[in-house]
Amino acid sequence: SWVERVSRAFDESGVDSTPTVRFADRPVHVLDRDGH
């Protein structure tokens, strides 16, 4: 049941891809243009 809640929270977060990283409420890229 917890997994279901976590999944719903992600779906409702507005984030549409993984990985996504934010620091101090600002996006930070962790991959380069080639996906590395």
PDB file of all heavy atoms in Angstrom:
ATOM      1  N   SER A   1       0.832  -1.209   0.000  1.00  0.00           N
ATOM      2  CA  SER A   1       0.000   0.000   0.000  1.00  0.00           C
ATOM      3  C   SER A   1       0.863   1.252   0.000  1.00  0.00           C
ATOM      4  O   SER A   1       0.523   2.259  -0.646  1.00  0.00           O
ATOM      5  CB  SER A   1      -0.931   0.006   1.210  1.00  0.00           C
ATOM      6  OG  SER A   1      -1.847  -1.075   1.138  1.00  0.00           O
ATOM      7  N   TRP A   2       1.966   1.196   0.716  1.00  0.00           N
ATOM      8  CA  TRP A   2       2.898   2.328   0.714  1.00  0.00           C
ATOM      9  C   TRP A   2       3.462   2.567  -0.684  1.00  0.00           C
ATOM     10  O   TRP A   2       3.538   3.713  -1.143  1.00  0.00           O
ATOM     11  CB  TRP A   2       4.026   2.059   1.712  1.00  0.00           C
ATOM     12  CG  TRP A   2       5.119   3.077   1.684  1.00  0.00           C
ATOM     13  CD1 TRP A   2       5.083   4.339   2.209  1.00  0.00           C
ATOM     14  CD2 TRP A   2       6.420   2.921   1.111  1.00  0.00           C
ATOM     15  NE1 TRP A   2       6.272   4.980   1.987  1.00  0.00           N
ATOM     16  CE2 TRP A   2       7.118   4.129   1.320  1.00  0.00           C
ATOM     17  CE3 TRP A   2       7.059   1.873   0.439  1.00  0.00           C
ATOM     18  CZ2 TRP A   2       8.435   4.317   0.877  1.00  0.00           C
ATOM     19  CZ3 TRP A   2       8.362   2.051  -0.002  1.00  0.00           C
ATOM     20  CH2 TRP A   2       9.039   3.266   0.216  1.00  0.00           C
ATOM     21  N   VAL A   3       3.846   1.496  -1.359  1.00  0.00           N
ATOM     22  CA  VAL A   3       4.364   1.629  -2.728  1.00  0.00           C
ATOM     23  C   VAL A   3       3.331   2.305  -3.625  1.00  0.00           C
ATOM     24  O   VAL A   3       3.668   3.169  -4.446  1.00  0.00           O
ATOM     25  CB  VAL A   3       4.773   0.256  -3.296  1.00  0.00           C
ATOM     26  CG1 VAL A   3       5.101   0.362  -4.785  1.00  0.00           C
ATOM     27  CG2 VAL A   3       5.969  -0.303  -2.536  1.00  0.00           C
ATOM     28  N   GLU A   4       2.073   1.933  -3.465  1.00  0.00           N
ATOM     29  CA  GLU A   4       1.025   2.561  -4.272  1.00  0.00           C
ATOM     30  C   GLU A   4       0.937   4.058  -3.991  1.00  0.00           C
ATOM     31  O   GLU A   4       0.778   4.871  -4.908  1.00  0.00           O
ATOM     32  CB  GLU A   4      -0.327   1.889  -3.984  1.00  0.00           C
ATOM     33  CG  GLU A   4      -0.423   0.447  -4.453  1.00  0.00           C
ATOM     34  CD  GLU A   4      -0.394   0.333  -5.962  1.00  0.00           C
ATOM     35  OE1 GLU A   4      -0.785   1.293  -6.655  1.00  0.00           O
ATOM     36  OE2 GLU A   4       0.023  -0.730  -6.462  1.00  0.00           O
ATOM     37  N   ARG A   5       1.055   4.448  -2.727  1.00  0.00           N
ATOM     38  CA  ARG A   5       1.012   5.866  -2.380  1.00  0.00           C
ATOM     39  C   ARG A   5       2.221   6.605  -2.939  1.00  0.00           C
ATOM     40  O   ARG A   5       2.104   7.726  -3.455  1.00  0.00           O
ATOM     41  CB  ARG A   5       0.946   6.047  -0.861  1.00  0.00           C
ATOM     42  CG  ARG A   5      -0.403   5.746  -0.260  1.00  0.00           C
ATOM     43  CD  ARG A   5      -0.513   6.282   1.158  1.00  0.00           C
ATOM     44  NE  ARG A   5       0.467   5.670   2.048  1.00  0.00           N
ATOM     45  CZ  ARG A   5       0.261   4.528   2.707  1.00  0.00           C
ATOM     46  NH1 ARG A   5      -0.879   3.864   2.558  1.00  0.00           N
ATOM     47  NH2 ARG A   5       1.189   4.049   3.511  1.00  0.00           N
ATOM     48  N   VAL A   6       3.389   5.992  -2.819  1.00  0.00           N
ATOM     49  CA  VAL A   6       4.605   6.602  -3.352  1.00  0.00           C
ATOM     50  C   VAL A   6       4.477   6.796  -4.864  1.00  0.00           C
ATOM     51  O   VAL A   6       4.844   7.847  -5.407  1.00  0.00           O
ATOM     52  CB  VAL A   6       5.831   5.731  -3.010  1.00  0.00           C
ATOM     53  CG1 VAL A   6       7.069   6.228  -3.736  1.00  0.00           C
ATOM     54  CG2 VAL A   6       6.073   5.717  -1.507  1.00  0.00           C
ATOM     55  N   SER A   7       3.947   5.788  -5.547  1.00  0.00           N
ATOM     56  CA  SER A   7       3.780   5.867  -6.999  1.00  0.00           C
ATOM     57  C   SER A   7       2.821   6.978  -7.382  1.00  0.00           C
ATOM     58  O   SER A   7       3.073   7.738  -8.334  1.00  0.00           O
ATOM     59  CB  SER A   7       3.266   4.522  -7.542  1.00  0.00           C
ATOM     60  OG  SER A   7       4.163   3.475  -7.239  1.00  0.00           O
ATOM     61  N   ARG A   8       1.699   7.083  -6.667  1.00  0.00           N
ATOM     62  CA  ARG A   8       0.741   8.150  -6.958  1.00  0.00           C
ATOM     63  C   ARG A   8       1.356   9.522  -6.718  1.00  0.00           C
ATOM     64  O   ARG A   8       1.139  10.463  -7.493  1.00  0.00           O
ATOM     65  CB  ARG A   8      -0.524   7.976  -6.124  1.00  0.00           C
ATOM     66  CG  ARG A   8      -1.434   6.857  -6.587  1.00  0.00           C
ATOM     67  CD  ARG A   8      -2.820   6.979  -5.960  1.00  0.00           C
ATOM     68  NE  ARG A   8      -2.769   6.890  -4.510  1.00  0.00           N
ATOM     69  CZ  ARG A   8      -2.847   5.755  -3.835  1.00  0.00           C
ATOM     70  NH1 ARG A   8      -2.959   4.606  -4.477  1.00  0.00           N
ATOM     71  NH2 ARG A   8      -2.809   5.751  -2.508  1.00  0.00           N
ATOM     72  N   ALA A   9       2.118   9.646  -5.643  1.00  0.00           N
ATOM     73  CA  ALA A   9       2.755  10.929  -5.344  1.00  0.00           C
ATOM     74  C   ALA A   9       3.705  11.328  -6.465  1.00  0.00           C
ATOM     75  O   ALA A   9       3.767  12.504  -6.846  1.00  0.00           O
ATOM     76  CB  ALA A   9       3.497  10.845  -4.013  1.00  0.00           C
ATOM     77  N   PHE A  10       4.449  10.357  -6.998  1.00  0.00           N
ATOM     78  CA  PHE A  10       5.323  10.669  -8.130  1.00  0.00           C
ATOM     79  C   PHE A  10       4.495  11.110  -9.331  1.00  0.00           C
ATOM     80  O   PHE A  10       4.806  12.121  -9.983  1.00  0.00           O
ATOM     81  CB  PHE A  10       6.177   9.457  -8.502  1.00  0.00           C
ATOM     82  CG  PHE A  10       7.107   9.723  -9.654  1.00  0.00           C
ATOM     83  CD1 PHE A  10       8.410  10.129  -9.434  1.00  0.00           C
ATOM     84  CD2 PHE A  10       6.674   9.581 -10.970  1.00  0.00           C
ATOM     85  CE1 PHE A  10       9.267  10.399 -10.500  1.00  0.00           C
ATOM     86  CE2 PHE A  10       7.512   9.843 -12.036  1.00  0.00           C
ATOM     87  CZ  PHE A  10       8.812  10.245 -11.801  1.00  0.00           C
ATOM     88  N   ASP A  11       3.451  10.364  -9.639  1.00  0.00           N
ATOM     89  CA  ASP A  11       2.626  10.688 -10.809  1.00  0.00           C
ATOM     90  C   ASP A  11       2.005  12.079 -10.695  1.00  0.00           C
ATOM     91  O   ASP A  11       1.760  12.736 -11.716  1.00  0.00           O
ATOM     92  CB  ASP A  11       1.524   9.643 -10.978  1.00  0.00           C
ATOM     93  CG  ASP A  11       2.063   8.273 -11.365  1.00  0.00           C
ATOM     94  OD1 ASP A  11       3.215   8.198 -11.849  1.00  0.00           O
ATOM     95  OD2 ASP A  11       1.338   7.279 -11.175  1.00  0.00           O
ATOM     96  N   GLU A  12       1.751  12.515  -9.473  1.00  0.00           N
ATOM     97  CA  GLU A  12       1.125  13.816  -9.253  1.00  0.00           C
ATOM     98  C   GLU A  12       2.142  14.936  -9.045  1.00  0.00           C
ATOM     99  O   GLU A  12       1.758  16.099  -8.863  1.00  0.00           O
ATOM    100  CB  GLU A  12       0.197  13.739  -8.032  1.00  0.00           C
ATOM    101  CG  GLU A  12      -0.983  12.795  -8.242  1.00  0.00           C
ATOM    102  CD  GLU A  12      -1.722  12.474  -6.946  1.00  0.00           C
ATOM    103  OE1 GLU A  12      -1.306  12.992  -5.882  1.00  0.00           O
ATOM    104  OE2 GLU A  12      -2.708  11.703  -7.015  1.00  0.00           O
ATOM    105  N   SER A  13       3.435  14.604  -9.095  1.00  0.00           N
ATOM    106  CA  SER A  13       4.470  15.586  -8.777  1.00  0.00           C
ATOM    107  C   SER A  13       4.768  16.548  -9.918  1.00  0.00           C
ATOM    108  O   SER A  13       5.393  17.585  -9.707  1.00  0.00           O
ATOM    109  CB  SER A  13       5.770  14.856  -8.399  1.00  0.00           C
ATOM    110  OG  SER A  13       6.335  14.213  -9.534  1.00  0.00           O
ATOM    111  N   GLY A  14       4.360  16.170 -11.134  1.00  0.00           N
ATOM    112  CA  GLY A  14       4.710  16.972 -12.294  1.00  0.00           C
ATOM    113  C   GLY A  14       6.028  16.570 -12.930  1.00  0.00           C
ATOM    114  O   GLY A  14       6.373  17.047 -14.012  1.00  0.00           O
ATOM    115  N   VAL A  15       6.776  15.695 -12.279  1.00  0.00           N
ATOM    116  CA  VAL A  15       8.014  15.165 -12.847  1.00  0.00           C
ATOM    117  C   VAL A  15       7.642  14.089 -13.855  1.00  0.00           C
ATOM    118  O   VAL A  15       6.858  13.188 -13.549  1.00  0.00           O
ATOM    119  CB  VAL A  15       8.921  14.586 -11.746  1.00  0.00           C
ATOM    120  CG1 VAL A  15      10.138  13.893 -12.351  1.00  0.00           C
ATOM    121  CG2 VAL A  15       9.347  15.691 -10.796  1.00  0.00           C
ATOM    122  N   ASP A  16       8.188  14.178 -15.066  1.00  0.00           N
ATOM    123  CA  ASP A  16       7.767  13.250 -16.115  1.00  0.00           C
ATOM    124  C   ASP A  16       8.877  12.345 -16.626  1.00  0.00           C
ATOM    125  O   ASP A  16       8.683  11.628 -17.617  1.00  0.00           O
ATOM    126  CB  ASP A  16       7.146  14.018 -17.286  1.00  0.00           C
ATOM    127  CG  ASP A  16       8.091  15.048 -17.897  1.00  0.00           C
ATOM    128  OD1 ASP A  16       9.276  15.072 -17.507  1.00  0.00           O
ATOM    129  OD2 ASP A  16       7.640  15.830 -18.754  1.00  0.00           O
ATOM    130  N   SER A  17      10.038  12.352 -15.983  1.00  0.00           N
ATOM    131  CA  SER A  17      11.108  11.459 -16.419  1.00  0.00           C
ATOM    132  C   SER A  17      12.053  11.201 -15.251  1.00  0.00           C
ATOM    133  O   SER A  17      12.103  11.961 -14.281  1.00  0.00           O
ATOM    134  CB  SER A  17      11.886  12.063 -17.590  1.00  0.00           C
ATOM    135  OG  SER A  17      12.536  13.266 -17.200  1.00  0.00           O
ATOM    136  N   THR A  18      12.774  10.102 -15.365  1.00  0.00           N
ATOM    137  CA  THR A  18      13.779   9.775 -14.348  1.00  0.00           C
ATOM    138  C   THR A  18      15.107   9.510 -15.037  1.00  0.00           C
ATOM    139  O   THR A  18      15.127   9.003 -16.161  1.00  0.00           O
ATOM    140  CB  THR A  18      13.345   8.531 -13.541  1.00  0.00           C
ATOM    141  OG1 THR A  18      13.148   7.417 -14.419  1.00  0.00           O
ATOM    142  CG2 THR A  18      12.079   8.809 -12.757  1.00  0.00           C
ATOM    143  N   PRO A  19      16.217   9.849 -14.383  1.00  0.00           N
ATOM    144  CA  PRO A  19      16.271  10.537 -13.092  1.00  0.00           C
ATOM    145  C   PRO A  19      16.030  12.039 -13.245  1.00  0.00           C
ATOM    146  O   PRO A  19      16.421  12.640 -14.244  1.00  0.00           O
ATOM    147  CB  PRO A  19      17.699  10.273 -12.627  1.00  0.00           C
ATOM    148  CG  PRO A  19      18.491  10.205 -13.898  1.00  0.00           C
ATOM    149  CD  PRO A  19      17.575   9.533 -14.894  1.00  0.00           C
ATOM    150  N   THR A  20      15.378  12.604 -12.259  1.00  0.00           N
ATOM    151  CA  THR A  20      15.254  14.046 -12.134  1.00  0.00           C
ATOM    152  C   THR A  20      15.787  14.427 -10.761  1.00  0.00           C
ATOM    153  O   THR A  20      15.479  13.764  -9.772  1.00  0.00           O
ATOM    154  CB  THR A  20      13.786  14.502 -12.274  1.00  0.00           C
ATOM    155  OG1 THR A  20      13.372  14.300 -13.625  1.00  0.00           O
ATOM    156  CG2 THR A  20      13.622  15.970 -11.910  1.00  0.00           C
ATOM    157  N   VAL A  21      16.592  15.471 -10.725  1.00  0.00           N
ATOM    158  CA  VAL A  21      17.208  15.900  -9.468  1.00  0.00           C
ATOM    159  C   VAL A  21      16.981  17.397  -9.294  1.00  0.00           C
ATOM    160  O   VAL A  21      17.156  18.171 -10.248  1.00  0.00           O
ATOM    161  CB  VAL A  21      18.723  15.576  -9.445  1.00  0.00           C
ATOM    162  CG1 VAL A  21      19.392  16.156  -8.202  1.00  0.00           C
ATOM    163  CG2 VAL A  21      18.944  14.072  -9.516  1.00  0.00           C
ATOM    164  N   ARG A  22      16.599  17.778  -8.092  1.00  0.00           N
ATOM    165  CA  ARG A  22      16.420  19.184  -7.755  1.00  0.00           C
ATOM    166  C   ARG A  22      17.188  19.480  -6.475  1.00  0.00           C
ATOM    167  O   ARG A  22      17.194  18.673  -5.549  1.00  0.00           O
ATOM    168  CB  ARG A  22      14.935  19.517  -7.560  1.00  0.00           C
ATOM    169  CG  ARG A  22      14.101  19.317  -8.814  1.00  0.00           C
ATOM    170  CD  ARG A  22      12.631  19.661  -8.582  1.00  0.00           C
ATOM    171  NE  ARG A  22      12.452  21.053  -8.232  1.00  0.00           N
ATOM    172  CZ  ARG A  22      12.358  22.055  -9.103  1.00  0.00           C
ATOM    173  NH1 ARG A  22      12.414  21.797 -10.400  1.00  0.00           N
ATOM    174  NH2 ARG A  22      12.203  23.298  -8.701  1.00  0.00           N
ATOM    175  N   PHE A  23      17.843  20.635  -6.459  1.00  0.00           N
ATOM    176  CA  PHE A  23      18.626  21.049  -5.307  1.00  0.00           C
ATOM    177  C   PHE A  23      18.196  22.454  -4.911  1.00  0.00           C
ATOM    178  O   PHE A  23      18.221  23.368  -5.733  1.00  0.00           O
ATOM    179  CB  PHE A  23      20.121  21.034  -5.637  1.00  0.00           C
ATOM    180  CG  PHE A  23      21.018  21.338  -4.468  1.00  0.00           C
ATOM    181  CD1 PHE A  23      20.967  20.573  -3.313  1.00  0.00           C
ATOM    182  CD2 PHE A  23      21.932  22.382  -4.540  1.00  0.00           C
ATOM    183  CE1 PHE A  23      21.808  20.842  -2.243  1.00  0.00           C
ATOM    184  CE2 PHE A  23      22.767  22.654  -3.475  1.00  0.00           C
ATOM    185  CZ  PHE A  23      22.711  21.885  -2.326  1.00  0.00           C
ATOM    186  N   ALA A  24      17.792  22.581  -3.656  1.00  0.00           N
ATOM    187  CA  ALA A  24      17.295  23.874  -3.184  1.00  0.00           C
ATOM    188  C   ALA A  24      16.196  24.381  -4.112  1.00  0.00           C
ATOM    189  O   ALA A  24      16.153  25.563  -4.467  1.00  0.00           O
ATOM    190  CB  ALA A  24      18.435  24.886  -3.075  1.00  0.00           C
ATOM    191  N   ASP A  25      15.331  23.444  -4.530  1.00  0.00           N
ATOM    192  CA  ASP A  25      14.167  23.738  -5.378  1.00  0.00           C
ATOM    193  C   ASP A  25      14.533  24.152  -6.799  1.00  0.00           C
ATOM    194  O   ASP A  25      13.693  24.689  -7.531  1.00  0.00           O
ATOM    195  CB  ASP A  25      13.277  24.819  -4.753  1.00  0.00           C
ATOM    196  CG  ASP A  25      12.588  24.334  -3.493  1.00  0.00           C
ATOM    197  OD1 ASP A  25      12.222  23.141  -3.447  1.00  0.00           O
ATOM    198  OD2 ASP A  25      12.422  25.134  -2.564  1.00  0.00           O
ATOM    199  N   ARG A  26      15.749  23.867  -7.224  1.00  0.00           N
ATOM    200  CA  ARG A  26      16.161  24.194  -8.595  1.00  0.00           C
ATOM    201  C   ARG A  26      16.675  22.932  -9.278  1.00  0.00           C
ATOM    202  O   ARG A  26      17.325  22.091  -8.642  1.00  0.00           O
ATOM    203  CB  ARG A  26      17.240  25.276  -8.596  1.00  0.00           C
ATOM    204  CG  ARG A  26      16.763  26.613  -8.035  1.00  0.00           C
ATOM    205  CD  ARG A  26      17.888  27.617  -7.943  1.00  0.00           C
ATOM    206  NE  ARG A  26      18.485  27.887  -9.256  1.00  0.00           N
ATOM    207  CZ  ARG A  26      19.576  28.633  -9.420  1.00  0.00           C
ATOM    208  NH1 ARG A  26      20.200  29.143  -8.366  1.00  0.00           N
ATOM    209  NH2 ARG A  26      20.053  28.860 -10.638  1.00  0.00           N
ATOM    210  N   PRO A  27      16.389  22.771 -10.589  1.00  0.00           N
ATOM    211  CA  PRO A  27      16.820  21.552 -11.287  1.00  0.00           C
ATOM    212  C   PRO A  27      18.335  21.490 -11.441  1.00  0.00           C
ATOM    213  O   PRO A  27      18.996  22.507 -11.643  1.00  0.00           O
ATOM    214  CB  PRO A  27      16.128  21.668 -12.651  1.00  0.00           C
ATOM    215  CG  PRO A  27      15.887  23.130 -12.832  1.00  0.00           C
ATOM    216  CD  PRO A  27      15.644  23.686 -11.465  1.00  0.00           C
ATOM    217  N   VAL A  28      18.852  20.284 -11.325  1.00  0.00           N
ATOM    218  CA  VAL A  28      20.278  20.026 -11.518  1.00  0.00           C
ATOM    219  C   VAL A  28      20.409  18.842 -12.465  1.00  0.00           C
ATOM    220  O   VAL A  28      19.872  17.761 -12.197  1.00  0.00           O
ATOM    221  CB  VAL A  28      20.986  19.701 -10.187  1.00  0.00           C
ATOM    222  CG1 VAL A  28      22.450  19.345 -10.431  1.00  0.00           C
ATOM    223  CG2 VAL A  28      20.872  20.863  -9.218  1.00  0.00           C
ATOM    224  N   HIS A  29      21.115  19.019 -13.561  1.00  0.00           N
ATOM    225  CA  HIS A  29      21.325  17.917 -14.500  1.00  0.00           C
ATOM    226  C   HIS A  29      22.369  16.953 -13.940  1.00  0.00           C
ATOM    227  O   HIS A  29      23.413  17.372 -13.436  1.00  0.00           O
ATOM    228  CB  HIS A  29      21.776  18.448 -15.859  1.00  0.00           C
ATOM    229  CG  HIS A  29      20.741  19.263 -16.565  1.00  0.00           C
ATOM    230  ND1 HIS A  29      19.555  18.729 -17.026  1.00  0.00           N
ATOM    231  CD2 HIS A  29      20.700  20.582 -16.866  1.00  0.00           C
ATOM    232  CE1 HIS A  29      18.834  19.675 -17.588  1.00  0.00           C
ATOM    233  NE2 HIS A  29      19.493  20.813 -17.511  1.00  0.00           N
ATOM    234  N   VAL A  30      22.058  15.670 -14.048  1.00  0.00           N
ATOM    235  CA  VAL A  30      22.999  14.639 -13.597  1.00  0.00           C
ATOM    236  C   VAL A  30      23.495  13.789 -14.761  1.00  0.00           C
ATOM    237  O   VAL A  30      24.398  12.973 -14.590  1.00  0.00           O
ATOM    238  CB  VAL A  30      22.357  13.731 -12.524  1.00  0.00           C
ATOM    239  CG1 VAL A  30      22.120  14.519 -11.241  1.00  0.00           C
ATOM    240  CG2 VAL A  30      21.064  13.111 -13.020  1.00  0.00           C
ATOM    241  N   LEU A  31      22.907  13.984 -15.936  1.00  0.00           N
ATOM    242  CA  LEU A  31      23.320  13.281 -17.146  1.00  0.00           C
ATOM    243  C   LEU A  31      23.695  14.306 -18.212  1.00  0.00           C
ATOM    244  O   LEU A  31      23.134  15.410 -18.255  1.00  0.00           O
ATOM    245  CB  LEU A  31      22.184  12.397 -17.683  1.00  0.00           C
ATOM    246  CG  LEU A  31      21.579  11.363 -16.728  1.00  0.00           C
ATOM    247  CD1 LEU A  31      20.412  10.663 -17.407  1.00  0.00           C
ATOM    248  CD2 LEU A  31      22.620  10.348 -16.285  1.00  0.00           C
ATOM    249  N   ASP A  32      24.621  13.928 -19.086  1.00  0.00           N
ATOM    250  CA  ASP A  32      24.958  14.818 -20.192  1.00  0.00           C
ATOM    251  C   ASP A  32      24.018  14.570 -21.374  1.00  0.00           C
ATOM    252  O   ASP A  32      23.071  13.771 -21.272  1.00  0.00           O
ATOM    253  CB  ASP A  32      26.425  14.662 -20.598  1.00  0.00           C
ATOM    254  CG  ASP A  32      26.764  13.267 -21.139  1.00  0.00           C
ATOM    255  OD1 ASP A  32      25.842  12.527 -21.564  1.00  0.00           O
ATOM    256  OD2 ASP A  32      27.958  12.912 -21.145  1.00  0.00           O
ATOM    257  N   ARG A  33      24.251  15.221 -22.471  1.00  0.00           N
ATOM    258  CA  ARG A  33      23.344  15.119 -23.617  1.00  0.00           C
ATOM    259  C   ARG A  33      23.287  13.721 -24.206  1.00  0.00           C
ATOM    260  O   ARG A  33      22.322  13.360 -24.879  1.00  0.00           O
ATOM    261  CB  ARG A  33      23.768  16.123 -24.695  1.00  0.00           C
ATOM    262  CG  ARG A  33      23.580  17.585 -24.282  1.00  0.00           C
ATOM    263  CD  ARG A  33      23.999  18.517 -25.388  1.00  0.00           C
ATOM    264  NE  ARG A  33      23.804  19.920 -25.010  1.00  0.00           N
ATOM    265  CZ  ARG A  33      24.117  20.939 -25.799  1.00  0.00           C
ATOM    266  NH1 ARG A  33      24.649  20.723 -26.998  1.00  0.00           N
ATOM    267  NH2 ARG A  33      23.916  22.172 -25.375  1.00  0.00           N
ATOM    268  N   ASP A  34      24.329  12.928 -23.968  1.00  0.00           N
ATOM    269  CA  ASP A  34      24.353  11.552 -24.476  1.00  0.00           C
ATOM    270  C   ASP A  34      23.804  10.548 -23.468  1.00  0.00           C
ATOM    271  O   ASP A  34      23.847   9.343 -23.713  1.00  0.00           O
ATOM    272  CB  ASP A  34      25.785  11.168 -24.860  1.00  0.00           C
ATOM    273  CG  ASP A  34      26.322  12.015 -26.009  1.00  0.00           C
ATOM    274  OD1 ASP A  34      25.541  12.308 -26.937  1.00  0.00           O
ATOM    275  OD2 ASP A  34      27.515  12.385 -25.961  1.00  0.00           O
ATOM    276  N   GLY A  35      23.306  11.034 -22.348  1.00  0.00           N
ATOM    277  CA  GLY A  35      22.730  10.148 -21.347  1.00  0.00           C
ATOM    278  C   GLY A  35      23.732   9.519 -20.402  1.00  0.00           C
ATOM    279  O   GLY A  35      23.390   8.597 -19.663  1.00  0.00           O
ATOM    280  N   HIS A  36      24.954  10.038 -20.408  1.00  0.00           N
ATOM    281  CA  HIS A  36      25.968   9.523 -19.482  1.00  0.00           C
ATOM    282  C   HIS A  36      26.001  10.389 -18.227  1.00  0.00           C
ATOM    283  O   HIS A  36      25.806  11.605 -18.286  1.00  0.00           O
ATOM    284  CB  HIS A  36      27.345   9.521 -20.149  1.00  0.00           C
ATOM    285  CG  HIS A  36      27.408   8.670 -21.381  1.00  0.00           C
ATOM    286  ND1 HIS A  36      27.205   7.311 -21.348  1.00  0.00           N
ATOM    287  CD2 HIS A  36      27.620   8.996 -22.681  1.00  0.00           C
ATOM    288  CE1 HIS A  36      27.301   6.822 -22.585  1.00  0.00           C
ATOM    289  NE2 HIS A  36      27.550   7.829 -23.401  1.00  0.00           N
TER     290      HIS A  36
END
